[in-house]
Each structure stands twice: as structure tokens, then as C-alpha cells.
Amino acid sequence: LTSIVIPYVCPQCSHVLFCSEHCQQRALASYHQYECKHIHILKTLGIAFLAYRTLTITDHETLWTT
């Protein structure tokens, strides 16, 4: 929820913007490295993309206990 003054773009797909270099590096090291290859499909999911992201970045124990 940070205002983007100078966006940091994914160096691979250029479809995703990050608010800072820190957020960019964190995303590239975790979830975005997998999403990047399929971003053209994931963008069509709409709100279901939020569910997909929740499932992919949350550990199984947290999902089952929440």
C-alpha cells in the first residue's frame, strides 16, 4: 500500500511493478519467479488470482490452522 513514485519493473516479464527495489528482490526470490512465466494466464484469473497467491505463499500449517 505504498505510493509508487518510481516503479521497479520485473526484469523478465515487465508486467509487474514493485514499489521498491527491496520489494522487487523479495518477490523475485520467492513467488514471482514462478508466476512470471505464466503471468499472461494468471492475469486472466481476476480475483481468483488473490486466492492463488494466498495458497502459494502461505505455508501449509498456517493454511490448515486458520
PDB file of N, CA and C in Angstrom:
ATOM      1  N   LEU A   1       0.816  -1.197   0.000  1.00  0.00           N
ATOM      2  CA  LEU A   1       0.000   0.000   0.000  1.00  0.00           C
ATOM      3  C   LEU A   1       0.857   1.257   0.000  1.00  0.00           C
ATOM      4  N   THR A   2       1.927   1.184  -0.729  1.00  0.00           N
ATOM      5  CA  THR A   2       2.837   2.316  -0.837  1.00  0.00           C
ATOM      6  C   THR A   2       2.644   2.995  -2.180  1.00  0.00           C
ATOM      7  N   SER A   3       2.679   4.304  -2.176  1.00  0.00           N
ATOM      8  CA  SER A   3       2.610   5.038  -3.439  1.00  0.00           C
ATOM      9  C   SER A   3       3.863   4.749  -4.251  1.00  0.00           C
ATOM     10  N   ILE A   4       3.670   4.563  -5.528  1.00  0.00           N
ATOM     11  CA  ILE A   4       4.806   4.276  -6.402  1.00  0.00           C
ATOM     12  C   ILE A   4       5.211   5.560  -7.111  1.00  0.00           C
ATOM     13  N   VAL A   5       6.389   6.049  -6.764  1.00  0.00           N
ATOM     14  CA  VAL A   5       6.919   7.247  -7.410  1.00  0.00           C
ATOM     15  C   VAL A   5       7.731   6.836  -8.625  1.00  0.00           C
ATOM     16  N   ILE A   6       8.662   5.931  -8.412  1.00  0.00           N
ATOM     17  CA  ILE A   6       9.469   5.369  -9.496  1.00  0.00           C
ATOM     18  C   ILE A   6       9.297   3.856  -9.412  1.00  0.00           C
ATOM     19  N   PRO A   7       8.516   3.279 -10.317  1.00  0.00           N
ATOM     20  CA  PRO A   7       8.262   1.837 -10.228  1.00  0.00           C
ATOM     21  C   PRO A   7       9.482   0.999 -10.591  1.00  0.00           C
ATOM     22  N   TYR A   8       9.579  -0.117  -9.926  1.00  0.00           N
ATOM     23  CA  TYR A   8      10.595  -1.119 -10.239  1.00  0.00           C
ATOM     24  C   TYR A   8       9.881  -2.225 -11.001  1.00  0.00           C
ATOM     25  N   VAL A   9      10.315  -2.486 -12.202  1.00  0.00           N
ATOM     26  CA  VAL A   9       9.652  -3.428 -13.091  1.00  0.00           C
ATOM     27  C   VAL A   9      10.347  -4.781 -13.029  1.00  0.00           C
ATOM     28  N   CYS A  10       9.566  -5.848 -13.188  1.00  0.00           N
ATOM     29  CA  CYS A  10      10.161  -7.171 -13.281  1.00  0.00           C
ATOM     30  C   CYS A  10      11.078  -7.197 -14.499  1.00  0.00           C
ATOM     31  N   PRO A  11      12.320  -7.615 -14.342  1.00  0.00           N
ATOM     32  CA  PRO A  11      13.248  -7.632 -15.472  1.00  0.00           C
ATOM     33  C   PRO A  11      12.927  -8.699 -16.519  1.00  0.00           C
ATOM     34  N   GLN A  12      12.072  -9.648 -16.179  1.00  0.00           N
ATOM     35  CA  GLN A  12      11.740 -10.718 -17.115  1.00  0.00           C
ATOM     36  C   GLN A  12      10.455 -10.450 -17.899  1.00  0.00           C
ATOM     37  N   CYS A  13       9.372 -10.144 -17.174  1.00  0.00           N
ATOM     38  CA  CYS A  13       8.074 -10.046 -17.856  1.00  0.00           C
ATOM     39  C   CYS A  13       7.620  -8.609 -18.101  1.00  0.00           C
ATOM     40  N   SER A  14       8.094  -7.668 -17.334  1.00  0.00           N
ATOM     41  CA  SER A  14       7.730  -6.244 -17.387  1.00  0.00           C
ATOM     42  C   SER A  14       6.232  -5.984 -17.235  1.00  0.00           C
ATOM     43  N   HIS A  15       5.482  -6.967 -16.730  1.00  0.00           N
ATOM     44  CA  HIS A  15       4.048  -6.788 -16.476  1.00  0.00           C
ATOM     45  C   HIS A  15       3.766  -6.422 -15.025  1.00  0.00           C
ATOM     46  N   VAL A  16       4.744  -6.591 -14.165  1.00  0.00           N
ATOM     47  CA  VAL A  16       4.543  -6.401 -12.736  1.00  0.00           C
ATOM     48  C   VAL A  16       5.416  -5.249 -12.251  1.00  0.00           C
ATOM     49  N   LEU A  17       4.809  -4.375 -11.437  1.00  0.00           N
ATOM     50  CA  LEU A  17       5.525  -3.247 -10.862  1.00  0.00           C
ATOM     51  C   LEU A  17       5.691  -3.457  -9.369  1.00  0.00           C
ATOM     52  N   PHE A  18       6.815  -3.003  -8.856  1.00  0.00           N
ATOM     53  CA  PHE A  18       7.102  -3.086  -7.432  1.00  0.00           C
ATOM     54  C   PHE A  18       7.361  -1.678  -6.910  1.00  0.00           C
ATOM     55  N   CYS A  19       7.051  -1.461  -5.645  1.00  0.00           N
ATOM     56  CA  CYS A  19       7.185  -0.122  -5.063  1.00  0.00           C
ATOM     57  C   CYS A  19       8.620   0.240  -4.716  1.00  0.00           C
ATOM     58  N   SER A  20       9.465  -0.768  -4.558  1.00  0.00           N
ATOM     59  CA  SER A  20      10.863  -0.502  -4.190  1.00  0.00           C
ATOM     60  C   SER A  20      11.743  -1.652  -4.673  1.00  0.00           C
ATOM     61  N   GLU A  21      13.024  -1.409  -4.636  1.00  0.00           N
ATOM     62  CA  GLU A  21      13.958  -2.464  -5.015  1.00  0.00           C
ATOM     63  C   GLU A  21      13.881  -3.622  -4.016  1.00  0.00           C
ATOM     64  N   HIS A  22      13.657  -3.293  -2.747  1.00  0.00           N
ATOM     65  CA  HIS A  22      13.517  -4.323  -1.718  1.00  0.00           C
ATOM     66  C   HIS A  22      12.342  -5.251  -2.035  1.00  0.00           C
ATOM     67  N   CYS A  23      11.190  -4.686  -2.347  1.00  0.00           N
ATOM     68  CA  CYS A  23      10.018  -5.499  -2.676  1.00  0.00           C
ATOM     69  C   CYS A  23      10.245  -6.306  -3.957  1.00  0.00           C
ATOM     70  N   GLN A  24      10.906  -5.703  -4.928  1.00  0.00           N
ATOM     71  CA  GLN A  24      11.206  -6.397  -6.173  1.00  0.00           C
ATOM     72  C   GLN A  24      12.074  -7.620  -5.911  1.00  0.00           C
ATOM     73  N   GLN A  25      13.154  -7.439  -5.168  1.00  0.00           N
ATOM     74  CA  GLN A  25      14.071  -8.544  -4.894  1.00  0.00           C
ATOM     75  C   GLN A  25      13.405  -9.636  -4.064  1.00  0.00           C
ATOM     76  N   ARG A  26      12.600  -9.226  -3.105  1.00  0.00           N
ATOM     77  CA  ARG A  26      11.875 -10.191  -2.269  1.00  0.00           C
ATOM     78  C   ARG A  26      10.905 -11.032  -3.104  1.00  0.00           C
ATOM     79  N   ALA A  27      10.184 -10.387  -4.006  1.00  0.00           N
ATOM     80  CA  ALA A  27       9.230 -11.098  -4.861  1.00  0.00           C
ATOM     81  C   ALA A  27       9.950 -12.014  -5.851  1.00  0.00           C
ATOM     82  N   LEU A  28      11.033 -11.532  -6.433  1.00  0.00           N
ATOM     83  CA  LEU A  28      11.771 -12.341  -7.400  1.00  0.00           C
ATOM     84  C   LEU A  28      12.409 -13.561  -6.748  1.00  0.00           C
ATOM     85  N   ALA A  29      12.745 -13.436  -5.479  1.00  0.00           N
ATOM     86  CA  ALA A  29      13.357 -14.550  -4.763  1.00  0.00           C
ATOM     87  C   ALA A  29      12.322 -15.556  -4.259  1.00  0.00           C
ATOM     88  N   SER A  30      11.053 -15.178  -4.287  1.00  0.00           N
ATOM     89  CA  SER A  30      10.030 -16.092  -3.783  1.00  0.00           C
ATOM     90  C   SER A  30       8.972 -16.382  -4.848  1.00  0.00           C
ATOM     91  N   TYR A  31       7.807 -15.802  -4.748  1.00  0.00           N
ATOM     92  CA  TYR A  31       6.680 -16.188  -5.596  1.00  0.00           C
ATOM     93  C   TYR A  31       6.784 -15.755  -7.059  1.00  0.00           C
ATOM     94  N   HIS A  32       7.327 -14.587  -7.341  1.00  0.00           N
ATOM     95  CA  HIS A  32       7.258 -14.098  -8.719  1.00  0.00           C
ATOM     96  C   HIS A  32       8.128 -14.890  -9.693  1.00  0.00           C
ATOM     97  N   GLN A  33       9.154 -15.527  -9.205  1.00  0.00           N
ATOM     98  CA  GLN A  33       9.980 -16.330 -10.115  1.00  0.00           C
ATOM     99  C   GLN A  33       9.164 -17.446 -10.752  1.00  0.00           C
ATOM    100  N   TYR A  34       8.112 -17.895 -10.079  1.00  0.00           N
ATOM    101  CA  TYR A  34       7.244 -18.947 -10.625  1.00  0.00           C
ATOM    102  C   TYR A  34       6.085 -18.353 -11.419  1.00  0.00           C
ATOM    103  N   GLU A  35       5.540 -17.251 -10.937  1.00  0.00           N
ATOM    104  CA  GLU A  35       4.410 -16.608 -11.612  1.00  0.00           C
ATOM    105  C   GLU A  35       4.826 -15.961 -12.931  1.00  0.00           C
ATOM    106  N   CYS A  36       6.026 -15.483 -12.996  1.00  0.00           N
ATOM    107  CA  CYS A  36       6.496 -14.706 -14.141  1.00  0.00           C
ATOM    108  C   CYS A  36       6.290 -15.435 -15.466  1.00  0.00           C
ATOM    109  N   LYS A  37       6.570 -16.714 -15.480  1.00  0.00           N
ATOM    110  CA  LYS A  37       6.457 -17.493 -16.718  1.00  0.00           C
ATOM    111  C   LYS A  37       5.017 -17.637 -17.187  1.00  0.00           C
ATOM    112  N   HIS A  38       4.074 -17.466 -16.260  1.00  0.00           N
ATOM    113  CA  HIS A  38       2.661 -17.697 -16.579  1.00  0.00           C
ATOM    114  C   HIS A  38       1.797 -16.468 -16.321  1.00  0.00           C
ATOM    115  N   ILE A  39       2.416 -15.306 -16.266  1.00  0.00           N
ATOM    116  CA  ILE A  39       1.696 -14.091 -15.900  1.00  0.00           C
ATOM    117  C   ILE A  39       0.560 -13.785 -16.872  1.00  0.00           C
ATOM    118  N   HIS A  40       0.720 -14.117 -18.140  1.00  0.00           N
ATOM    119  CA  HIS A  40      -0.329 -13.855 -19.119  1.00  0.00           C
ATOM    120  C   HIS A  40      -1.597 -14.653 -18.798  1.00  0.00           C
ATOM    121  N   ILE A  41      -1.460 -15.828 -18.220  1.00  0.00           N
ATOM    122  CA  ILE A  41      -2.613 -16.641 -17.813  1.00  0.00           C
ATOM    123  C   ILE A  41      -3.140 -16.159 -16.462  1.00  0.00           C
ATOM    124  N   LEU A  42      -2.246 -15.913 -15.527  1.00  0.00           N
ATOM    125  CA  LEU A  42      -2.644 -15.504 -14.183  1.00  0.00           C
ATOM    126  C   LEU A  42      -3.417 -14.195 -14.184  1.00  0.00           C
ATOM    127  N   LYS A  43      -3.086 -13.284 -15.091  1.00  0.00           N
ATOM    128  CA  LYS A  43      -3.786 -12.006 -15.156  1.00  0.00           C
ATOM    129  C   LYS A  43      -5.248 -12.172 -15.541  1.00  0.00           C
ATOM    130  N   THR A  44      -5.602 -13.279 -16.172  1.00  0.00           N
ATOM    131  CA  THR A  44      -6.991 -13.501 -16.576  1.00  0.00           C
ATOM    132  C   THR A  44      -7.847 -14.052 -15.435  1.00  0.00           C
ATOM    133  N   LEU A  45      -7.242 -14.432 -14.317  1.00  0.00           N
ATOM    134  CA  LEU A  45      -7.980 -15.021 -13.203  1.00  0.00           C
ATOM    135  C   LEU A  45      -8.803 -14.011 -12.407  1.00  0.00           C
ATOM    136  N   GLY A  46      -8.492 -12.751 -12.532  1.00  0.00           N
ATOM    137  CA  GLY A  46      -9.210 -11.738 -11.752  1.00  0.00           C
ATOM    138  C   GLY A  46      -8.995 -11.943 -10.265  1.00  0.00           C
ATOM    139  N   ILE A  47     -10.081 -11.929  -9.483  1.00  0.00           N
ATOM    140  CA  ILE A  47      -9.997 -12.054  -8.033  1.00  0.00           C
ATOM    141  C   ILE A  47      -9.483 -13.424  -7.610  1.00  0.00           C
ATOM    142  N   ALA A  48      -9.628 -14.428  -8.449  1.00  0.00           N
ATOM    143  CA  ALA A  48      -9.122 -15.762  -8.131  1.00  0.00           C
ATOM    144  C   ALA A  48      -7.593 -15.753  -8.024  1.00  0.00           C
ATOM    145  N   PHE A  49      -6.959 -14.764  -8.627  1.00  0.00           N
ATOM    146  CA  PHE A  49      -5.510 -14.641  -8.519  1.00  0.00           C
ATOM    147  C   PHE A  49      -5.103 -14.413  -7.062  1.00  0.00           C
ATOM    148  N   LEU A  50      -5.928 -13.678  -6.312  1.00  0.00           N
ATOM    149  CA  LEU A  50      -5.655 -13.460  -4.900  1.00  0.00           C
ATOM    150  C   LEU A  50      -5.668 -14.784  -4.141  1.00  0.00           C
ATOM    151  N   ALA A  51      -6.617 -15.650  -4.435  1.00  0.00           N
ATOM    152  CA  ALA A  51      -6.679 -16.968  -3.798  1.00  0.00           C
ATOM    153  C   ALA A  51      -5.446 -17.791  -4.179  1.00  0.00           C
ATOM    154  N   TYR A  52      -5.086 -17.751  -5.439  1.00  0.00           N
ATOM    155  CA  TYR A  52      -3.895 -18.477  -5.912  1.00  0.00           C
ATOM    156  C   TYR A  52      -2.655 -18.002  -5.152  1.00  0.00           C
ATOM    157  N   ARG A  53      -2.482 -16.690  -5.060  1.00  0.00           N
ATOM    158  CA  ARG A  53      -1.305 -16.128  -4.383  1.00  0.00           C
ATOM    159  C   ARG A  53      -1.302 -16.527  -2.911  1.00  0.00           C
ATOM    160  N   THR A  54      -2.455 -16.475  -2.259  1.00  0.00           N
ATOM    161  CA  THR A  54      -2.538 -16.859  -0.843  1.00  0.00           C
ATOM    162  C   THR A  54      -2.098 -18.304  -0.651  1.00  0.00           C
ATOM    163  N   LEU A  55      -2.547 -19.170  -1.529  1.00  0.00           N
ATOM    164  CA  LEU A  55      -2.190 -20.583  -1.419  1.00  0.00           C
ATOM    165  C   LEU A  55      -0.713 -20.839  -1.705  1.00  0.00           C
ATOM    166  N   THR A  56      -0.138 -20.071  -2.592  1.00  0.00           N
ATOM    167  CA  THR A  56       1.249 -20.326  -2.966  1.00  0.00           C
ATOM    168  C   THR A  56       2.273 -19.705  -2.028  1.00  0.00           C
ATOM    169  N   ILE A  57       1.905 -18.652  -1.290  1.00  0.00           N
ATOM    170  CA  ILE A  57       2.902 -18.025  -0.419  1.00  0.00           C
ATOM    171  C   ILE A  57       2.704 -18.338   1.067  1.00  0.00           C
ATOM    172  N   THR A  58       1.617 -19.015   1.398  1.00  0.00           N
ATOM    173  CA  THR A  58       1.343 -19.341   2.800  1.00  0.00           C
ATOM    174  C   THR A  58       1.737 -20.788   3.064  1.00  0.00           C
ATOM    175  N   ASP A  59       2.431 -21.009   4.164  1.00  0.00           N
ATOM    176  CA  ASP A  59       2.837 -22.380   4.464  1.00  0.00           C
ATOM    177  C   ASP A  59       1.613 -23.226   4.828  1.00  0.00           C
ATOM    178  N   HIS A  60       1.728 -24.524   4.628  1.00  0.00           N
ATOM    179  CA  HIS A  60       0.595 -25.437   4.821  1.00  0.00           C
ATOM    180  C   HIS A  60       0.044 -25.424   6.242  1.00  0.00           C
ATOM    181  N   GLU A  61       0.912 -25.356   7.219  1.00  0.00           N
ATOM    182  CA  GLU A  61       0.452 -25.365   8.620  1.00  0.00           C
ATOM    183  C   GLU A  61      -0.451 -24.158   8.907  1.00  0.00           C
ATOM    184  N   THR A  62      -0.056 -23.010   8.414  1.00  0.00           N
ATOM    185  CA  THR A  62      -0.872 -21.801   8.628  1.00  0.00           C
ATOM    186  C   THR A  62      -2.211 -21.932   7.919  1.00  0.00           C
ATOM    187  N   LEU A  63      -2.209 -22.475   6.717  1.00  0.00           N
ATOM    188  CA  LEU A  63      -3.476 -22.656   5.989  1.00  0.00           C
ATOM    189  C   LEU A  63      -4.426 -23.568   6.736  1.00  0.00           C
ATOM    190  N   TRP A  64      -3.928 -24.663   7.274  1.00  0.00           N
ATOM    191  CA  TRP A  64      -4.785 -25.624   7.948  1.00  0.00           C
ATOM    192  C   TRP A  64      -5.280 -25.141   9.292  1.00  0.00           C
ATOM    193  N   THR A  65      -4.517 -24.278   9.972  1.00  0.00           N
ATOM    194  CA  THR A  65      -4.925 -23.821  11.294  1.00  0.00           C
ATOM    195  C   THR A  65      -5.734 -22.528  11.263  1.00  0.00           C
ATOM    196  N   THR A  66      -5.808 -21.895  10.135  1.00  0.00           N
ATOM    197  CA  THR A  66      -6.527 -20.624  10.031  1.00  0.00           C
ATOM    198  C   THR A  66      -7.962 -20.854   9.641  1.00  0.00           C
TER     199      THR A  66
END
